Structures are given as C-alpha cells and as structure tokens.
Protein backbone atom coordinates (compact mmCIF):
# COMPACT_ATOMS: atom_id res chain seq x y z
CA UNK A 1 -0.56 -7.16 7.08
CA UNK A 2 1.06 -7.76 3.71
CA UNK A 3 4.09 -10.13 3.44
CA UNK A 4 5.78 -10.23 0.13
CA UNK A 5 8.54 -12.15 -1.61
CA UNK A 6 9.97 -10.75 -4.78
CA UNK A 7 12.28 -13.27 -6.69
CA UNK A 8 13.57 -10.66 -9.13
CA UNK A 9 15.72 -9.37 -6.32
CA UNK A 10 18.94 -11.24 -5.38
CA UNK A 11 17.88 -11.08 -1.62
CA UNK A 12 15.12 -12.35 0.39
CA UNK A 13 14.53 -12.63 4.19
CA UNK A 14 15.78 -15.94 5.57
CA UNK A 15 18.78 -18.28 5.55
CA UNK A 16 17.83 -21.81 6.08
CA UNK A 17 20.26 -24.04 3.89
CA UNK A 18 18.62 -27.44 4.76
CA UNK A 19 16.89 -29.77 2.44
CA UNK A 20 13.81 -29.53 4.74
CA UNK A 21 10.33 -29.63 3.53
CA UNK A 22 7.80 -27.50 5.42
CA UNK A 23 4.11 -28.59 5.21
CA UNK A 24 1.16 -26.50 5.96
CA UNK A 25 -2.53 -27.12 5.79
CA UNK A 26 -4.39 -24.61 3.35
CA UNK A 27 -7.43 -24.49 1.40
CA UNK A 28 -7.43 -23.69 -2.47
CA UNK A 29 -9.33 -20.56 -3.62
CA UNK A 30 -8.60 -20.71 -7.45
CA UNK A 31 -6.29 -19.77 -10.18
CA UNK A 32 -6.19 -17.22 -12.85
CA UNK A 33 -4.21 -19.17 -15.52
CA UNK A 34 -2.56 -18.27 -18.94
CA UNK A 35 -2.52 -14.49 -18.37
CA UNK A 36 -0.39 -12.66 -21.01
CA UNK A 37 3.17 -12.34 -19.97
CA UNK A 38 2.74 -8.53 -19.93
CA UNK A 39 0.76 -9.04 -16.74
CA UNK A 40 4.16 -10.05 -15.16
CA UNK A 41 5.35 -6.46 -15.60
CA UNK A 42 1.99 -4.92 -14.56
CA UNK A 43 1.75 -6.86 -11.24
CA UNK A 44 5.20 -5.98 -9.69
CA UNK A 45 3.91 -4.03 -6.71
CA UNK A 46 2.13 -5.98 -4.00
CA UNK A 47 -0.81 -3.54 -3.97
CA UNK A 48 -1.37 -3.92 -7.79
CA UNK A 49 -1.15 -7.77 -7.46
CA UNK A 50 -3.63 -7.65 -4.44
CA UNK A 51 -6.11 -5.29 -6.36
CA UNK A 52 -5.79 -7.55 -9.54
CA UNK A 53 -7.12 -10.38 -7.32
CA UNK A 54 -9.72 -8.45 -5.79
CA UNK A 55 -11.14 -7.37 -9.18
CA UNK A 56 -10.93 -10.95 -10.48
CA UNK A 57 -12.93 -11.90 -7.38
CA UNK A 58 -15.68 -9.21 -7.83
CA UNK A 59 -15.73 -10.09 -11.65
CA UNK A 60 -16.36 -13.78 -10.79
CA UNK A 61 -13.20 -15.12 -12.32
CA UNK A 62 -11.84 -16.14 -8.77
CA UNK A 63 -14.18 -17.35 -6.02
CA UNK A 64 -14.22 -15.27 -2.58
CA UNK A 65 -14.52 -18.65 -0.59
CA UNK A 66 -12.17 -21.49 -0.89
CA UNK A 67 -13.17 -25.12 -1.45
CA UNK A 68 -13.85 -26.93 1.89
CA UNK A 69 -11.28 -29.62 1.31
CA UNK A 70 -7.95 -29.08 3.14
CA UNK A 71 -4.78 -29.45 1.25
CA UNK A 72 -1.10 -29.74 2.21
CA UNK A 73 1.14 -27.09 0.89
CA UNK A 74 4.75 -28.16 0.98
CA UNK A 75 7.60 -25.80 0.58
CA UNK A 76 11.04 -26.94 -0.06
CA UNK A 77 14.25 -25.71 -2.04
CA UNK A 78 12.52 -27.34 -5.18
CA UNK A 79 9.49 -25.13 -4.82
CA UNK A 80 5.98 -25.52 -3.78
CA UNK A 81 3.91 -28.69 -4.05
CA UNK A 82 0.12 -28.87 -3.21
CA UNK A 83 -1.09 -32.39 -2.32
CA UNK A 84 -4.29 -33.84 -0.91
CA UNK A 85 -4.28 -34.51 2.72
CA UNK A 86 -3.58 -38.20 2.20
CA UNK A 87 -0.76 -37.20 -0.14
CA UNK A 88 -1.81 -39.46 -2.86
CA UNK A 89 -2.84 -36.73 -5.46
CA UNK A 90 -0.47 -33.83 -6.34
CA UNK A 91 -2.80 -31.00 -7.35
CA UNK A 92 -0.28 -28.33 -8.27
CA UNK A 93 3.50 -28.36 -8.46
CA UNK A 94 5.42 -24.98 -8.65
CA UNK A 95 9.14 -25.23 -9.31
CA UNK A 96 11.07 -22.72 -7.49
CA UNK A 97 12.63 -21.20 -10.70
CA UNK A 98 9.11 -20.52 -12.02
CA UNK A 99 7.89 -18.62 -8.93
CA UNK A 100 7.97 -15.00 -9.57
CA UNK A 101 6.20 -13.65 -6.34
CA UNK A 102 4.52 -14.81 -3.33
CA UNK A 103 2.25 -12.51 -1.25
CA UNK A 104 0.08 -12.95 1.77
CA UNK A 105 -2.63 -10.58 2.99
CA UNK A 106 -5.80 -10.49 4.90
CA UNK A 107 -8.86 -11.58 2.74
CA UNK A 108 -10.88 -8.74 4.01
CA UNK A 109 -13.88 -10.90 4.95
CA UNK A 110 -13.48 -10.26 8.66
CA UNK A 111 -12.97 -13.97 9.60
CA UNK A 112 -9.18 -13.48 10.25
CA UNK A 113 -8.25 -15.62 7.22
CA UNK A 114 -5.41 -14.75 4.91
CA UNK A 115 -4.82 -15.33 1.32
CA UNK A 116 -1.46 -16.58 -0.15
CA UNK A 117 -1.10 -15.59 -3.79
CA UNK A 118 1.61 -17.12 -5.93
CA UNK A 119 2.65 -15.58 -9.27
CA UNK A 120 4.23 -18.04 -11.62
CA UNK A 121 5.42 -18.03 -15.16
CA UNK A 122 5.87 -20.89 -17.79
CA UNK A 123 9.33 -22.04 -18.66
CA UNK A 124 9.14 -19.88 -21.94
CA UNK A 125 7.94 -16.96 -20.11
CA UNK A 126 5.06 -16.51 -22.53
CA UNK A 127 2.32 -16.66 -19.88
CA UNK A 128 1.99 -15.86 -16.16
CA UNK A 129 -0.36 -17.57 -13.59
CA UNK A 130 -1.74 -16.58 -10.24
CA UNK A 131 -2.62 -19.39 -7.62
CA UNK A 132 -4.56 -18.42 -4.61
CA UNK A 133 -4.66 -20.37 -1.30
CA UNK A 134 -6.39 -19.72 1.92
CA UNK A 135 -4.38 -19.85 5.20
CA UNK A 136 -5.89 -20.33 8.61
CA UNK A 137 -4.38 -17.06 9.91
CA UNK A 138 -1.77 -14.39 9.27
CA UNK A 139 1.11 -16.18 11.21
CA UNK A 140 0.63 -19.30 8.85
CA UNK A 141 0.73 -17.11 5.87
CA UNK A 142 3.69 -15.18 6.96
CA UNK A 143 5.59 -18.34 7.85
CA UNK A 144 4.94 -19.91 4.42
CA UNK A 145 6.34 -16.69 2.79
CA UNK A 146 9.38 -16.97 5.19
CA UNK A 147 9.94 -20.67 4.25
CA UNK A 148 9.90 -19.91 0.68
CA UNK A 149 12.16 -16.91 1.01
CA UNK A 150 14.60 -19.24 3.07
CA UNK A 151 14.36 -21.82 0.12
CA UNK A 152 15.51 -19.06 -2.33
CA UNK A 153 18.26 -18.15 -0.08
CA UNK A 154 19.43 -21.64 0.16
CA UNK A 155 19.43 -22.11 -3.57
CA UNK A 156 21.24 -18.65 -4.08
CA UNK A 157 23.86 -19.58 -1.52
CA UNK A 158 24.49 -22.98 -3.05
CA UNK A 159 24.77 -21.48 -6.54
CA UNK A 160 27.54 -18.98 -5.34
CA UNK A 161 29.60 -21.76 -3.74
C-alpha cells in the first residue's frame, strides 16, 4: 500500500480547517540530506521515490532499521515537527512550505511496519532532502499523510479567502 501527498498540485485529500496539532509516535530511520535540486525533478513519481530510498538503504547511505528511541511526529498547519517523547528536544522541523512530498509504504521487511518518507527543499530551492521515519503500521502512516494533506488544504483554503 502506498499513500502519497504531492504538494505541487493544488488539491490534496482532506479538508480540516482547524489549528489542531496531531501527534504520532514514530522512530527515526535516517535522512539523505543536501541532494542536488535536480533530484527534485527526478523523484516526482512515488515508485521512483521509493526505489531511490531502497537503493540508498542497499548502498548503506540509509539504515534499514530505525533507532530504538520513539519520537513524537507532530503535524499541524505549520508543517511537521519531530520531538523527543518528553518534548524537550526538537529534532527536526519541516515547515509546510518546504515540504514537497510525503509518502508512506510498507518497508518490505515483513514485520508490518511502514516507512514515512518526507521530501523537503531549502528556502532557496538549491537542495532537496529526504527524511525517513518508521510508523508502527500502515494505518498510522496513512493517517499521518491524511493529516498533512488536511493541513495543506487548510492553508490553501485560508489563502483563497
């Protein structure tokens, strides 16, 4: 199962307009940072994105197994924030306007875990980054994608008013 959010389109699936923040417990797999911006164009299709992550794992650039530490991934109309469980340390902050795509898919390791991959860019759009988190199951991963989709819809709706 693959769920995807493509922020280049003007529509997504969801319509929550509140300022609610949704929190999920995930584990951090790793990141591929400072990729040339040309990768932004190369990784448009979900299958290309998944294959790129798989190859990075096979090449040792990204681990197959996440860290043991659970983290809180919070989704709001401002973007995605990843914090420690005690919420004292902010580990990653992905502003909504820098998120290019979010994708969830089965990790293929047979344990029923799903990976959540986030493709972001930098404000000057010179580089792109891929952030990978492990969700406990496909329902959780798909819910995160839906909540982010709703956040985009909320912002797009308020921009038009």
